[in-house]
Amino acid sequence: ALVISPWVERGRVDHTIFDHGSIPATLERLFGLQPLTDRDKAAHDVLS
């Protein structure tokens, strides 16, 4: 998995646990939406 933006550090390797539930979690927290399930509620997002 790669996270790409002009707002992220160059050449960072990150060890945080993510899964595909992190995609809706990222969208929900960025855009102010409620979690769909307990999986995305618990998931890390990539906004950090």
ModelCIF file with pLDDT and N, C-alpha, C, O atoms, coordinates in Angstrom:
data_MODEL
#
_entry.id   MODEL 
#
_entity.id                         1 
_entity.type                       polymer 
_entity.pdbx_number_of_molecules   1 
#
_entity_poly.entity_id                      1 
_entity_poly.type                           'polypeptide(L)' 
_entity_poly.nstd_linkage                   no 
_entity_poly.nstd_monomer                   no 
_entity_poly.pdbx_seq_one_letter_code       ALVISPWVERGRVDHTIFDHGSIPATLERLFGLQPLTDRDKAAHDVLS 
_entity_poly.pdbx_seq_one_letter_code_can   ALVISPWVERGRVDHTIFDHGSIPATLERLFGLQPLTDRDKAAHDVLS 
_entity_poly.pdbx_strand_id                 A 
#
loop_
_entity_poly_seq.entity_id 
_entity_poly_seq.num 
_entity_poly_seq.mon_id 
_entity_poly_seq.hetero 
1 1  ALA n 
1 2  LEU n 
1 3  VAL n 
1 4  ILE n 
1 5  SER n 
1 6  PRO n 
1 7  TRP n 
1 8  VAL n 
1 9  GLU n 
1 10 ARG n 
1 11 GLY n 
1 12 ARG n 
1 13 VAL n 
1 14 ASP n 
1 15 HIS n 
1 16 THR n 
1 17 ILE n 
1 18 PHE n 
1 19 ASP n 
1 20 HIS n 
1 21 GLY n 
1 22 SER n 
1 23 ILE n 
1 24 PRO n 
1 25 ALA n 
1 26 THR n 
1 27 LEU n 
1 28 GLU n 
1 29 ARG n 
1 30 LEU n 
1 31 PHE n 
1 32 GLY n 
1 33 LEU n 
1 34 GLN n 
1 35 PRO n 
1 36 LEU n 
1 37 THR n 
1 38 ASP n 
1 39 ARG n 
1 40 ASP n 
1 41 LYS n 
1 42 ALA n 
1 43 ALA n 
1 44 HIS n 
1 45 ASP n 
1 46 VAL n 
1 47 LEU n 
1 48 SER n 
#
_struct_asym.id          A 
_struct_asym.entity_id   1 
#
loop_
_ma_qa_metric.id 
_ma_qa_metric.mode 
_ma_qa_metric.name 
_ma_qa_metric.software_group_id 
_ma_qa_metric.type 
1 global pLDDT . pLDDT 
2 local  pLDDT . pLDDT 
#
_ma_qa_metric_global.metric_id      1 
_ma_qa_metric_global.metric_value   97.17 
_ma_qa_metric_global.model_id       1 
_ma_qa_metric_global.ordinal_id     1 
#
loop_
_ma_qa_metric_local.label_asym_id 
_ma_qa_metric_local.label_comp_id 
_ma_qa_metric_local.label_seq_id 
_ma_qa_metric_local.metric_id 
_ma_qa_metric_local.metric_value 
_ma_qa_metric_local.model_id 
_ma_qa_metric_local.ordinal_id 
A ALA 1  2 98.00 1 1  
A LEU 2  2 98.00 1 2  
A VAL 3  2 98.00 1 3  
A ILE 4  2 98.00 1 4  
A SER 5  2 98.00 1 5  
A PRO 6  2 97.00 1 6  
A TRP 7  2 96.00 1 7  
A VAL 8  2 96.00 1 8  
A GLU 9  2 95.00 1 9  
A ARG 10 2 97.00 1 10 
A GLY 11 2 96.00 1 11 
A ARG 12 2 97.00 1 12 
A VAL 13 2 98.00 1 13 
A ASP 14 2 97.00 1 14 
A HIS 15 2 98.00 1 15 
A THR 16 2 97.00 1 16 
A ILE 17 2 98.00 1 17 
A PHE 18 2 98.00 1 18 
A ASP 19 2 98.00 1 19 
A HIS 20 2 98.00 1 20 
A GLY 21 2 98.00 1 21 
A SER 22 2 98.00 1 22 
A ILE 23 2 98.00 1 23 
A PRO 24 2 98.00 1 24 
A ALA 25 2 98.00 1 25 
A THR 26 2 97.00 1 26 
A LEU 27 2 98.00 1 27 
A GLU 28 2 97.00 1 28 
A ARG 29 2 96.00 1 29 
A LEU 30 2 96.00 1 30 
A PHE 31 2 96.00 1 31 
A GLY 32 2 95.00 1 32 
A LEU 33 2 97.00 1 33 
A GLN 34 2 97.00 1 34 
A PRO 35 2 98.00 1 35 
A LEU 36 2 98.00 1 36 
A THR 37 2 98.00 1 37 
A ASP 38 2 98.00 1 38 
A ARG 39 2 98.00 1 39 
A ASP 40 2 98.00 1 40 
A LYS 41 2 97.00 1 41 
A ALA 42 2 97.00 1 42 
A ALA 43 2 98.00 1 43 
A HIS 44 2 97.00 1 44 
A ASP 45 2 97.00 1 45 
A VAL 46 2 96.00 1 46 
A LEU 47 2 96.00 1 47 
A SER 48 2 93.00 1 48 
#
loop_
_atom_site.group_PDB 
_atom_site.id 
_atom_site.type_symbol 
_atom_site.label_atom_id 
_atom_site.label_alt_id 
_atom_site.label_comp_id 
_atom_site.label_asym_id 
_atom_site.label_entity_id 
_atom_site.label_seq_id 
_atom_site.pdbx_PDB_ins_code 
_atom_site.Cartn_x 
_atom_site.Cartn_y 
_atom_site.Cartn_z 
_atom_site.occupancy 
_atom_site.B_iso_or_equiv 
_atom_site.pdbx_formal_charge 
_atom_site.auth_seq_id 
_atom_site.auth_comp_id 
_atom_site.auth_asym_id 
_atom_site.auth_atom_id 
_atom_site.pdbx_PDB_model_num 
ATOM 1   N N  . ALA A 1 1  ? 0.844   -1.192 0.000  1.00 98.00 ? 1  ALA A N  1 
ATOM 2   C CA . ALA A 1 1  ? 0.000   0.000  0.000  1.00 98.00 ? 1  ALA A CA 1 
ATOM 3   C C  . ALA A 1 1  ? 0.880   1.243  0.000  1.00 98.00 ? 1  ALA A C  1 
ATOM 4   O O  . ALA A 1 1  ? 1.850   1.335  0.753  1.00 98.00 ? 1  ALA A O  1 
ATOM 5   N N  . LEU A 1 2  ? 0.526   2.193  -0.854 1.00 98.00 ? 2  LEU A N  1 
ATOM 6   C CA . LEU A 1 2  ? 1.229   3.466  -0.970 1.00 98.00 ? 2  LEU A CA 1 
ATOM 7   C C  . LEU A 1 2  ? 0.256   4.594  -0.706 1.00 98.00 ? 2  LEU A C  1 
ATOM 8   O O  . LEU A 1 2  ? -0.898  4.539  -1.129 1.00 98.00 ? 2  LEU A O  1 
ATOM 9   N N  . VAL A 1 3  ? 0.719   5.615  -0.009 1.00 98.00 ? 3  VAL A N  1 
ATOM 10  C CA . VAL A 1 3  ? -0.064  6.825  0.221  1.00 98.00 ? 3  VAL A CA 1 
ATOM 11  C C  . VAL A 1 3  ? 0.703   7.983  -0.394 1.00 98.00 ? 3  VAL A C  1 
ATOM 12  O O  . VAL A 1 3  ? 1.847   8.251  -0.028 1.00 98.00 ? 3  VAL A O  1 
ATOM 13  N N  . ILE A 1 4  ? 0.059   8.669  -1.336 1.00 98.00 ? 4  ILE A N  1 
ATOM 14  C CA . ILE A 1 4  ? 0.741   9.614  -2.216 1.00 98.00 ? 4  ILE A CA 1 
ATOM 15  C C  . ILE A 1 4  ? 0.024   10.961 -2.164 1.00 98.00 ? 4  ILE A C  1 
ATOM 16  O O  . ILE A 1 4  ? -1.188  11.043 -2.362 1.00 98.00 ? 4  ILE A O  1 
ATOM 17  N N  . SER A 1 5  ? 0.782   11.996 -1.900 1.00 98.00 ? 5  SER A N  1 
ATOM 18  C CA . SER A 1 5  ? 0.248   13.355 -1.857 1.00 98.00 ? 5  SER A CA 1 
ATOM 19  C C  . SER A 1 5  ? 1.415   14.319 -1.729 1.00 98.00 ? 5  SER A C  1 
ATOM 20  O O  . SER A 1 5  ? 2.459   13.944 -1.195 1.00 98.00 ? 5  SER A O  1 
ATOM 21  N N  . PRO A 1 6  ? 1.270   15.550 -2.204 1.00 97.00 ? 6  PRO A N  1 
ATOM 22  C CA . PRO A 1 6  ? 2.333   16.525 -1.944 1.00 97.00 ? 6  PRO A CA 1 
ATOM 23  C C  . PRO A 1 6  ? 2.412   16.911 -0.469 1.00 97.00 ? 6  PRO A C  1 
ATOM 24  O O  . PRO A 1 6  ? 3.326   17.630 -0.066 1.00 97.00 ? 6  PRO A O  1 
ATOM 25  N N  . TRP A 1 7  ? 1.462   16.438 0.339  1.00 96.00 ? 7  TRP A N  1 
ATOM 26  C CA . TRP A 1 7  ? 1.432   16.781 1.756  1.00 96.00 ? 7  TRP A CA 1 
ATOM 27  C C  . TRP A 1 7  ? 2.025   15.692 2.645  1.00 96.00 ? 7  TRP A C  1 
ATOM 28  O O  . TRP A 1 7  ? 1.951   15.803 3.869  1.00 96.00 ? 7  TRP A O  1 
ATOM 29  N N  . VAL A 1 8  ? 2.616   14.637 2.063  1.00 96.00 ? 8  VAL A N  1 
ATOM 30  C CA . VAL A 1 8  ? 3.249   13.599 2.886  1.00 96.00 ? 8  VAL A CA 1 
ATOM 31  C C  . VAL A 1 8  ? 4.761   13.664 2.734  1.00 96.00 ? 8  VAL A C  1 
ATOM 32  O O  . VAL A 1 8  ? 5.283   14.212 1.763  1.00 96.00 ? 8  VAL A O  1 
ATOM 33  N N  . GLU A 1 9  ? 5.450   13.096 3.710  1.00 95.00 ? 9  GLU A N  1 
ATOM 34  C CA . GLU A 1 9  ? 6.912   13.095 3.691  1.00 95.00 ? 9  GLU A CA 1 
ATOM 35  C C  . GLU A 1 9  ? 7.453   12.230 2.561  1.00 95.00 ? 9  GLU A C  1 
ATOM 36  O O  . GLU A 1 9  ? 6.811   11.274 2.128  1.00 95.00 ? 9  GLU A O  1 
ATOM 37  N N  . ARG A 1 10 ? 8.618   12.575 2.105  1.00 97.00 ? 10 ARG A N  1 
ATOM 38  C CA . ARG A 1 10 ? 9.290   11.795 1.072  1.00 97.00 ? 10 ARG A CA 1 
ATOM 39  C C  . ARG A 1 10 ? 9.962   10.575 1.692  1.00 97.00 ? 10 ARG A C  1 
ATOM 40  O O  . ARG A 1 10 ? 10.673  10.695 2.690  1.00 97.00 ? 10 ARG A O  1 
ATOM 41  N N  . GLY A 1 11 ? 9.737   9.401  1.103  1.00 96.00 ? 11 GLY A N  1 
ATOM 42  C CA . GLY A 1 11 ? 10.452  8.194  1.484  1.00 96.00 ? 11 GLY A CA 1 
ATOM 43  C C  . GLY A 1 11 ? 10.152  7.678  2.868  1.00 96.00 ? 11 GLY A C  1 
ATOM 44  O O  . GLY A 1 11 ? 11.040  7.142  3.530  1.00 96.00 ? 11 GLY A O  1 
ATOM 45  N N  . ARG A 1 12 ? 8.928   7.826  3.320  1.00 97.00 ? 12 ARG A N  1 
ATOM 46  C CA . ARG A 1 12 ? 8.556   7.350  4.653  1.00 97.00 ? 12 ARG A CA 1 
ATOM 47  C C  . ARG A 1 12 ? 8.083   5.898  4.588  1.00 97.00 ? 12 ARG A C  1 
ATOM 48  O O  . ARG A 1 12 ? 7.291   5.536  3.718  1.00 97.00 ? 12 ARG A O  1 
ATOM 49  N N  . VAL A 1 13 ? 8.567   5.078  5.501  1.00 98.00 ? 13 VAL A N  1 
ATOM 50  C CA . VAL A 1 13 ? 8.058   3.725  5.710  1.00 98.00 ? 13 VAL A CA 1 
ATOM 51  C C  . VAL A 1 13 ? 7.292   3.727  7.019  1.00 98.00 ? 13 VAL A C  1 
ATOM 52  O O  . VAL A 1 13 ? 7.820   4.123  8.058  1.00 98.00 ? 13 VAL A O  1 
ATOM 53  N N  . ASP A 1 14 ? 6.041   3.283  6.964  1.00 97.00 ? 14 ASP A N  1 
ATOM 54  C CA . ASP A 1 14 ? 5.192   3.347  8.152  1.00 97.00 ? 14 ASP A CA 1 
ATOM 55  C C  . ASP A 1 14 ? 4.718   1.952  8.535  1.00 97.00 ? 14 ASP A C  1 
ATOM 56  O O  . ASP A 1 14 ? 4.346   1.151  7.678  1.00 97.00 ? 14 ASP A O  1 
ATOM 57  N N  . HIS A 1 15 ? 4.739   1.671  9.858  1.00 98.00 ? 15 HIS A N  1 
ATOM 58  C CA . HIS A 1 15 ? 4.410   0.347  10.373 1.00 98.00 ? 15 HIS A CA 1 
ATOM 59  C C  . HIS A 1 15 ? 3.025   0.269  11.017 1.00 98.00 ? 15 HIS A C  1 
ATOM 60  O O  . HIS A 1 15 ? 2.693   -0.741 11.637 1.00 98.00 ? 15 HIS A O  1 
ATOM 61  N N  . THR A 1 16 ? 2.225   1.306  10.881 1.00 97.00 ? 16 THR A N  1 
ATOM 62  C CA . THR A 1 16 ? 0.880   1.289  11.461 1.00 97.00 ? 16 THR A CA 1 
ATOM 63  C C  . THR A 1 16 ? 0.030   0.198  10.809 1.00 97.00 ? 16 THR A C  1 
ATOM 64  O O  . THR A 1 16 ? 0.126   -0.028 9.603  1.00 97.00 ? 16 THR A O  1 
ATOM 65  N N  . ILE A 1 17 ? -0.789  -0.467 11.594 1.00 98.00 ? 17 ILE A N  1 
ATOM 66  C CA . ILE A 1 17 ? -1.672  -1.500 11.062 1.00 98.00 ? 17 ILE A CA 1 
ATOM 67  C C  . ILE A 1 17 ? -2.876  -0.852 10.381 1.00 98.00 ? 17 ILE A C  1 
ATOM 68  O O  . ILE A 1 17 ? -3.621  -0.082 10.986 1.00 98.00 ? 17 ILE A O  1 
ATOM 69  N N  . PHE A 1 18 ? -3.038  -1.192 9.104  1.00 98.00 ? 18 PHE A N  1 
ATOM 70  C CA . PHE A 1 18 ? -4.182  -0.779 8.304  1.00 98.00 ? 18 PHE A CA 1 
ATOM 71  C C  . PHE A 1 18 ? -4.816  -2.020 7.679  1.00 98.00 ? 18 PHE A C  1 
ATOM 72  O O  . PHE A 1 18 ? -4.191  -3.077 7.592  1.00 98.00 ? 18 PHE A O  1 
ATOM 73  N N  . ASP A 1 19 ? -6.051  -1.876 7.250  1.00 98.00 ? 19 ASP A N  1 
ATOM 74  C CA . ASP A 1 19 ? -6.654  -2.833 6.333  1.00 98.00 ? 19 ASP A CA 1 
ATOM 75  C C  . ASP A 1 19 ? -7.551  -2.045 5.402  1.00 98.00 ? 19 ASP A C  1 
ATOM 76  O O  . ASP A 1 19 ? -7.559  -0.815 5.459  1.00 98.00 ? 19 ASP A O  1 
ATOM 77  N N  . HIS A 1 20 ? -8.307  -2.714 4.546  1.00 98.00 ? 20 HIS A N  1 
ATOM 78  C CA . HIS A 1 20 ? -9.111  -1.984 3.572  1.00 98.00 ? 20 HIS A CA 1 
ATOM 79  C C  . HIS A 1 20 ? -10.210 -1.157 4.229  1.00 98.00 ? 20 HIS A C  1 
ATOM 80  O O  . HIS A 1 20 ? -10.730 -0.222 3.620  1.00 98.00 ? 20 HIS A O  1 
ATOM 81  N N  . GLY A 1 21 ? -10.568 -1.495 5.468  1.00 98.00 ? 21 GLY A N  1 
ATOM 82  C CA . GLY A 1 21 ? -11.489 -0.647 6.214  1.00 98.00 ? 21 GLY A CA 1 
ATOM 83  C C  . GLY A 1 21 ? -10.922 0.726  6.504  1.00 98.00 ? 21 GLY A C  1 
ATOM 84  O O  . GLY A 1 21 ? -11.663 1.641  6.863  1.00 98.00 ? 21 GLY A O  1 
ATOM 85  N N  . SER A 1 22 ? -9.606  0.883  6.353  1.00 98.00 ? 22 SER A N  1 
ATOM 86  C CA . SER A 1 22 ? -8.975  2.192  6.539  1.00 98.00 ? 22 SER A CA 1 
ATOM 87  C C  . SER A 1 22 ? -9.338  3.163  5.425  1.00 98.00 ? 22 SER A C  1 
ATOM 88  O O  . SER A 1 22 ? -9.214  4.375  5.601  1.00 98.00 ? 22 SER A O  1 
ATOM 89  N N  . ILE A 1 23 ? -9.786  2.649  4.278  1.00 98.00 ? 23 ILE A N  1 
ATOM 90  C CA . ILE A 1 23 ? -10.181 3.548  3.185  1.00 98.00 ? 23 ILE A CA 1 
ATOM 91  C C  . ILE A 1 23 ? -11.486 4.254  3.517  1.00 98.00 ? 23 ILE A C  1 
ATOM 92  O O  . ILE A 1 23 ? -11.524 5.484  3.477  1.00 98.00 ? 23 ILE A O  1 
ATOM 93  N N  . PRO A 1 24 ? -12.568 3.530  3.848  1.00 98.00 ? 24 PRO A N  1 
ATOM 94  C CA . PRO A 1 24 ? -13.752 4.277  4.293  1.00 98.00 ? 24 PRO A CA 1 
ATOM 95  C C  . PRO A 1 24 ? -13.498 5.082  5.564  1.00 98.00 ? 24 PRO A C  1 
ATOM 96  O O  . PRO A 1 24 ? -14.067 6.161  5.725  1.00 98.00 ? 24 PRO A O  1 
ATOM 97  N N  . ALA A 1 25 ? -12.653 4.581  6.471  1.00 98.00 ? 25 ALA A N  1 
ATOM 98  C CA . ALA A 1 25 ? -12.352 5.343  7.690  1.00 98.00 ? 25 ALA A CA 1 
ATOM 99  C C  . ALA A 1 25 ? -11.711 6.687  7.351  1.00 98.00 ? 25 ALA A C  1 
ATOM 100 O O  . ALA A 1 25 ? -12.056 7.704  7.952  1.00 98.00 ? 25 ALA A O  1 
ATOM 101 N N  . THR A 1 26 ? -10.789 6.700  6.401  1.00 97.00 ? 26 THR A N  1 
ATOM 102 C CA . THR A 1 26 ? -10.141 7.940  5.979  1.00 97.00 ? 26 THR A CA 1 
ATOM 103 C C  . THR A 1 26 ? -11.159 8.910  5.391  1.00 97.00 ? 26 THR A C  1 
ATOM 104 O O  . THR A 1 26 ? -11.155 10.097 5.718  1.00 97.00 ? 26 THR A O  1 
ATOM 105 N N  . LEU A 1 27 ? -12.024 8.405  4.528  1.00 98.00 ? 27 LEU A N  1 
ATOM 106 C CA . LEU A 1 27 ? -13.039 9.259  3.911  1.00 98.00 ? 27 LEU A CA 1 
ATOM 107 C C  . LEU A 1 27 ? -14.010 9.801  4.952  1.00 98.00 ? 27 LEU A C  1 
ATOM 108 O O  . LEU A 1 27 ? -14.378 10.975 4.912  1.00 98.00 ? 27 LEU A O  1 
ATOM 109 N N  . GLU A 1 28 ? -14.422 8.955  5.876  1.00 97.00 ? 28 GLU A N  1 
ATOM 110 C CA . GLU A 1 28 ? -15.391 9.367  6.900  1.00 97.00 ? 28 GLU A CA 1 
ATOM 111 C C  . GLU A 1 28 ? -14.830 10.475 7.783  1.00 97.00 ? 28 GLU A C  1 
ATOM 112 O O  . GLU A 1 28 ? -15.516 11.456 8.066  1.00 97.00 ? 28 GLU A O  1 
ATOM 113 N N  . ARG A 1 29 ? -13.587 10.317 8.215  1.00 96.00 ? 29 ARG A N  1 
ATOM 114 C CA . ARG A 1 29 ? -13.013 11.319 9.117  1.00 96.00 ? 29 ARG A CA 1 
ATOM 115 C C  . ARG A 1 29 ? -12.656 12.600 8.385  1.00 96.00 ? 29 ARG A C  1 
ATOM 116 O O  . ARG A 1 29 ? -12.756 13.694 8.942  1.00 96.00 ? 29 ARG A O  1 
ATOM 117 N N  . LEU A 1 30 ? -12.244 12.462 7.148  1.00 96.00 ? 30 LEU A N  1 
ATOM 118 C CA . LEU A 1 30 ? -11.913 13.661 6.368  1.00 96.00 ? 30 LEU A CA 1 
ATOM 119 C C  . LEU A 1 30 ? -13.159 14.478 6.062  1.00 96.00 ? 30 LEU A C  1 
ATOM 120 O O  . LEU A 1 30 ? -13.135 15.707 6.127  1.00 96.00 ? 30 LEU A O  1 
ATOM 121 N N  . PHE A 1 31 ? -14.248 13.792 5.728  1.00 96.00 ? 31 PHE A N  1 
ATOM 122 C CA . PHE A 1 31 ? -15.446 14.491 5.258  1.00 96.00 ? 31 PHE A CA 1 
ATOM 123 C C  . PHE A 1 31 ? -16.580 14.520 6.286  1.00 96.00 ? 31 PHE A C  1 
ATOM 124 O O  . PHE A 1 31 ? -17.703 14.901 5.957  1.00 96.00 ? 31 PHE A O  1 
ATOM 125 N N  . GLY A 1 32 ? -16.291 14.118 7.535  1.00 95.00 ? 32 GLY A N  1 
ATOM 126 C CA . GLY A 1 32 ? -17.267 14.251 8.604  1.00 95.00 ? 32 GLY A CA 1 
ATOM 127 C C  . GLY A 1 32 ? -18.441 13.297 8.513  1.00 95.00 ? 32 GLY A C  1 
ATOM 128 O O  . GLY A 1 32 ? -19.578 13.680 8.788  1.00 95.00 ? 32 GLY A O  1 
ATOM 129 N N  . LEU A 1 33 ? -18.173 12.049 8.127  1.00 97.00 ? 33 LEU A N  1 
ATOM 130 C CA . LEU A 1 33 ? -19.211 11.027 8.009  1.00 97.00 ? 33 LEU A CA 1 
ATOM 131 C C  . LEU A 1 33 ? -19.129 10.049 9.174  1.00 97.00 ? 33 LEU A C  1 
ATOM 132 O O  . LEU A 1 33 ? -18.085 9.929  9.815  1.00 97.00 ? 33 LEU A O  1 
ATOM 133 N N  . GLN A 1 34 ? -20.217 9.358  9.446  1.00 97.00 ? 34 GLN A N  1 
ATOM 134 C CA . GLN A 1 34 ? -20.249 8.365  10.512 1.00 97.00 ? 34 GLN A CA 1 
ATOM 135 C C  . GLN A 1 34 ? -19.688 7.027  10.020 1.00 97.00 ? 34 GLN A C  1 
ATOM 136 O O  . GLN A 1 34 ? -19.794 6.724  8.832  1.00 97.00 ? 34 GLN A O  1 
ATOM 137 N N  . PRO A 1 35 ? -19.093 6.219  10.910 1.00 98.00 ? 35 PRO A N  1 
ATOM 138 C CA . PRO A 1 35 ? -18.619 4.890  10.506 1.00 98.00 ? 35 PRO A CA 1 
ATOM 139 C C  . PRO A 1 35 ? -19.769 4.018  10.005 1.00 98.00 ? 35 PRO A C  1 
ATOM 140 O O  . PRO A 1 35 ? -20.910 4.145  10.449 1.00 98.00 ? 35 PRO A O  1 
ATOM 141 N N  . LEU A 1 36 ? -19.439 3.142  9.081  1.00 98.00 ? 36 LEU A N  1 
ATOM 142 C CA . LEU A 1 36 ? -20.422 2.204  8.548  1.00 98.00 ? 36 LEU A CA 1 
ATOM 143 C C  . LEU A 1 36 ? -20.543 0.952  9.407  1.00 98.00 ? 36 LEU A C  1 
ATOM 144 O O  . LEU A 1 36 ? -21.633 0.402  9.562  1.00 98.00 ? 36 LEU A O  1 
ATOM 145 N N  . THR A 1 37 ? -19.407 0.500  9.972  1.00 98.00 ? 37 THR A N  1 
ATOM 146 C CA . THR A 1 37 ? -19.372 -0.727 10.770 1.00 98.00 ? 37 THR A CA 1 
ATOM 147 C C  . THR A 1 37 ? -18.334 -0.560 11.885 1.00 98.00 ? 37 THR A C  1 
ATOM 148 O O  . THR A 1 37 ? -17.660 0.465  11.980 1.00 98.00 ? 37 THR A O  1 
ATOM 149 N N  . ASP A 1 38 ? -18.226 -1.580 12.711 1.00 98.00 ? 38 ASP A N  1 
ATOM 150 C CA . ASP A 1 38 ? -17.193 -1.548 13.746 1.00 98.00 ? 38 ASP A CA 1 
ATOM 151 C C  . ASP A 1 38 ? -15.790 -1.668 13.167 1.00 98.00 ? 38 ASP A C  1 
ATOM 152 O O  . ASP A 1 38 ? -14.826 -1.273 13.823 1.00 98.00 ? 38 ASP A O  1 
ATOM 153 N N  . ARG A 1 39 ? -15.649 -2.203 11.951 1.00 98.00 ? 39 ARG A N  1 
ATOM 154 C CA . ARG A 1 39 ? -14.310 -2.333 11.349 1.00 98.00 ? 39 ARG A CA 1 
ATOM 155 C C  . ARG A 1 39 ? -13.741 -0.960 11.020 1.00 98.00 ? 39 ARG A C  1 
ATOM 156 O O  . ARG A 1 39 ? -12.624 -0.655 11.435 1.00 98.00 ? 39 ARG A O  1 
ATOM 157 N N  . ASP A 1 40 ? -14.461 -0.134 10.297 1.00 98.00 ? 40 ASP A N  1 
ATOM 158 C CA . ASP A 1 40 ? -13.920 1.186  9.965  1.00 98.00 ? 40 ASP A CA 1 
ATOM 159 C C  . ASP A 1 40 ? -13.902 2.104  11.182 1.00 98.00 ? 40 ASP A C  1 
ATOM 160 O O  . ASP A 1 40 ? -13.082 3.019  11.257 1.00 98.00 ? 40 ASP A O  1 
ATOM 161 N N  . LYS A 1 41 ? -14.800 1.865  12.132 1.00 97.00 ? 41 LYS A N  1 
ATOM 162 C CA . LYS A 1 41 ? -14.761 2.645  13.368 1.00 97.00 ? 41 LYS A CA 1 
ATOM 163 C C  . LYS A 1 41 ? -13.442 2.436  14.101 1.00 97.00 ? 41 LYS A C  1 
ATOM 164 O O  . LYS A 1 41 ? -12.892 3.376  14.675 1.00 97.00 ? 41 LYS A O  1 
ATOM 165 N N  . ALA A 1 42 ? -12.931 1.201  14.085 1.00 97.00 ? 42 ALA A N  1 
ATOM 166 C CA . ALA A 1 42 ? -11.685 0.871  14.781 1.00 97.00 ? 42 ALA A CA 1 
ATOM 167 C C  . ALA A 1 42 ? -10.441 1.104  13.935 1.00 97.00 ? 42 ALA A C  1 
ATOM 168 O O  . ALA A 1 42 ? -9.337  1.160  14.477 1.00 97.00 ? 42 ALA A O  1 
ATOM 169 N N  . ALA A 1 43 ? -10.592 1.242  12.629 1.00 98.00 ? 43 ALA A N  1 
ATOM 170 C CA . ALA A 1 43 ? -9.443  1.287  11.724 1.00 98.00 ? 43 ALA A CA 1 
ATOM 171 C C  . ALA A 1 43 ? -8.668  2.588  11.845 1.00 98.00 ? 43 ALA A C  1 
ATOM 172 O O  . ALA A 1 43 ? -9.245  3.649  12.083 1.00 98.00 ? 43 ALA A O  1 
ATOM 173 N N  . HIS A 1 44 ? -7.353  2.495  11.678 1.00 97.00 ? 44 HIS A N  1 
ATOM 174 C CA . HIS A 1 44 ? -6.544  3.697  11.503 1.00 97.00 ? 44 HIS A CA 1 
ATOM 175 C C  . HIS A 1 44 ? -6.850  4.314  10.142 1.00 97.00 ? 44 HIS A C  1 
ATOM 176 O O  . HIS A 1 44 ? -7.106  3.602  9.171  1.00 97.00 ? 44 HIS A O  1 
ATOM 177 N N  . ASP A 1 45 ? -6.821  5.633  10.082 1.00 97.00 ? 45 ASP A N  1 
ATOM 178 C CA . ASP A 1 45 ? -6.881  6.317  8.799  1.00 97.00 ? 45 ASP A CA 1 
ATOM 179 C C  . ASP A 1 45 ? -5.469  6.765  8.418  1.00 97.00 ? 45 ASP A C  1 
ATOM 180 O O  . ASP A 1 45 ? -4.538  6.624  9.211  1.00 97.00 ? 45 ASP A O  1 
ATOM 181 N N  . VAL A 1 46 ? -5.308  7.304  7.210  1.00 96.00 ? 46 VAL A N  1 
ATOM 182 C CA . VAL A 1 46 ? -3.980  7.715  6.744  1.00 96.00 ? 46 VAL A CA 1 
ATOM 183 C C  . VAL A 1 46 ? -3.769  9.221  6.866  1.00 96.00 ? 46 VAL A C  1 
ATOM 184 O O  . VAL A 1 46 ? -2.779  9.753  6.365  1.00 96.00 ? 46 VAL A O  1 
ATOM 185 N N  . LEU A 1 47 ? -4.689  9.903  7.524  1.00 96.00 ? 47 LEU A N  1 
ATOM 186 C CA . LEU A 1 47 ? -4.591  11.356 7.614  1.00 96.00 ? 47 LEU A CA 1 
ATOM 187 C C  . LEU A 1 47 ? -3.442  11.818 8.489  1.00 96.00 ? 47 LEU A C  1 
ATOM 188 O O  . LEU A 1 47 ? -2.977  12.952 8.366  1.00 96.00 ? 47 LEU A O  1 
ATOM 189 N N  . SER A 1 48 ? -2.976  10.931 9.386  1.00 93.00 ? 48 SER A N  1 
ATOM 190 C CA . SER A 1 48 ? -1.828  11.300 10.227 1.00 93.00 ? 48 SER A CA 1 
ATOM 191 C C  . SER A 1 48 ? -0.543  11.457 9.414  1.00 93.00 ? 48 SER A C  1 
ATOM 192 O O  . SER A 1 48 ? 0.509   11.765 9.975  1.00 93.00 ? 48 SER A O  1 
#
